[in-house]
């Protein structure tokens, strides 16, 4: 799957087959299905990319303090751009353009 295929899949009603857990969580996050994305992130705590996702999700929720905690756990600086741009950056770590 390419980055563009993933973006296009956001209009589908079900996750595309064969997604990694991280991409599945990002798929839900991109559709504002916060609780589904968060449940997956919680299952993979201590994995840096999932901790980054966890930070993003709390930032998306407006919980800056909790987001800051997860950015520290992910060993990443707090993101200084839009939520959409951060989501795109995370997806691009997993898929080619």
Protein backbone atom coordinates (compact mmCIF):
# COMPACT_ATOMS: atom_id res chain seq x y z
CA UNK A 1 0.00 0.00 0.00
CA UNK A 2 1.23 3.49 -0.80
CA UNK A 3 0.68 6.67 1.15
CA UNK A 4 -1.90 7.83 -1.40
CA UNK A 5 -3.75 4.49 -1.24
CA UNK A 6 -3.90 4.86 2.52
CA UNK A 7 -5.29 8.39 2.24
CA UNK A 8 -7.87 7.21 -0.29
CA UNK A 9 -8.90 4.36 2.02
CA UNK A 10 -10.08 6.87 4.62
CA UNK A 11 -13.44 7.04 2.83
CA UNK A 12 -14.03 3.29 3.20
CA UNK A 13 -16.16 1.93 6.03
CA UNK A 14 -13.65 -0.71 7.13
CA UNK A 15 -9.91 -0.75 7.58
CA UNK A 16 -8.05 -2.09 4.56
CA UNK A 17 -6.92 -5.70 4.94
CA UNK A 18 -3.39 -6.37 6.07
CA UNK A 19 -2.61 -3.14 7.91
CA UNK A 20 -0.06 -3.26 10.69
CA UNK A 21 -1.43 -2.36 14.13
CA UNK A 22 0.17 1.08 13.85
CA UNK A 23 -1.37 1.79 10.46
CA UNK A 24 -4.71 0.48 11.68
CA UNK A 25 -4.58 2.91 14.62
CA UNK A 26 -3.56 5.74 12.29
CA UNK A 27 -6.43 4.84 9.97
CA UNK A 28 -8.87 5.20 12.86
CA UNK A 29 -7.19 8.40 14.06
CA UNK A 30 -7.47 9.89 10.59
CA UNK A 31 -11.21 9.24 10.67
CA UNK A 32 -11.58 10.79 14.15
CA UNK A 33 -12.36 7.40 15.65
CA UNK A 34 -10.37 8.36 18.73
CA UNK A 35 -11.37 5.52 21.06
CA UNK A 36 -10.46 2.79 18.57
CA UNK A 37 -7.09 4.39 17.83
CA UNK A 38 -6.41 4.94 21.53
CA UNK A 39 -7.21 1.33 22.41
CA UNK A 40 -4.61 0.14 19.90
CA UNK A 41 -2.03 2.65 21.17
CA UNK A 42 -2.57 1.42 24.73
CA UNK A 43 -1.92 -2.18 23.67
CA UNK A 44 1.54 -1.20 22.41
CA UNK A 45 2.82 1.14 25.11
CA UNK A 46 6.61 1.46 25.32
CA UNK A 47 7.02 1.16 21.55
CA UNK A 48 8.25 4.63 20.47
CA UNK A 49 6.01 4.99 17.40
CA UNK A 50 2.94 3.97 19.40
CA UNK A 51 3.94 6.38 22.17
CA UNK A 52 4.14 9.12 19.52
CA UNK A 53 0.68 8.10 18.33
CA UNK A 54 -0.51 8.19 21.94
CA UNK A 55 0.86 11.75 22.26
CA UNK A 56 -0.89 12.77 19.06
CA UNK A 57 -4.19 11.32 20.25
CA UNK A 58 -4.08 13.24 23.52
CA UNK A 59 -3.11 16.37 21.62
CA UNK A 60 -6.09 15.74 19.33
CA UNK A 61 -8.27 15.48 22.41
CA UNK A 62 -6.94 18.80 23.73
CA UNK A 63 -5.10 17.24 26.68
CA UNK A 64 -1.75 19.04 26.36
CA UNK A 65 -0.29 17.75 29.64
CA UNK A 66 -0.98 14.12 28.81
CA UNK A 67 0.28 14.66 25.25
CA UNK A 68 3.53 16.13 26.63
CA UNK A 69 3.99 13.04 28.79
CA UNK A 70 3.64 10.75 25.78
CA UNK A 71 5.96 12.86 23.62
CA UNK A 72 8.60 12.45 26.35
CA UNK A 73 7.99 8.70 26.45
CA UNK A 74 8.37 8.59 22.66
CA UNK A 75 11.61 10.63 22.96
CA UNK A 76 10.16 13.17 20.51
CA UNK A 77 9.75 16.92 20.76
CA UNK A 78 6.19 18.17 20.99
CA UNK A 79 4.90 18.65 17.45
CA UNK A 80 4.70 22.27 16.36
CA UNK A 81 2.27 22.00 13.47
CA UNK A 82 -1.32 21.15 12.72
CA UNK A 83 -2.86 17.90 13.84
CA UNK A 84 -3.35 16.92 10.20
CA UNK A 85 0.31 17.53 9.40
CA UNK A 86 1.45 15.46 12.38
CA UNK A 87 -0.88 12.62 11.36
CA UNK A 88 0.52 12.74 7.82
CA UNK A 89 4.09 12.62 9.17
CA UNK A 90 3.27 9.53 11.20
CA UNK A 91 1.68 7.78 8.22
CA UNK A 92 4.68 8.65 6.04
CA UNK A 93 7.01 6.87 8.48
CA UNK A 94 5.19 3.67 7.52
CA UNK A 95 4.34 4.09 3.84
CA UNK A 96 6.19 5.31 0.75
CA UNK A 97 4.84 8.26 -1.22
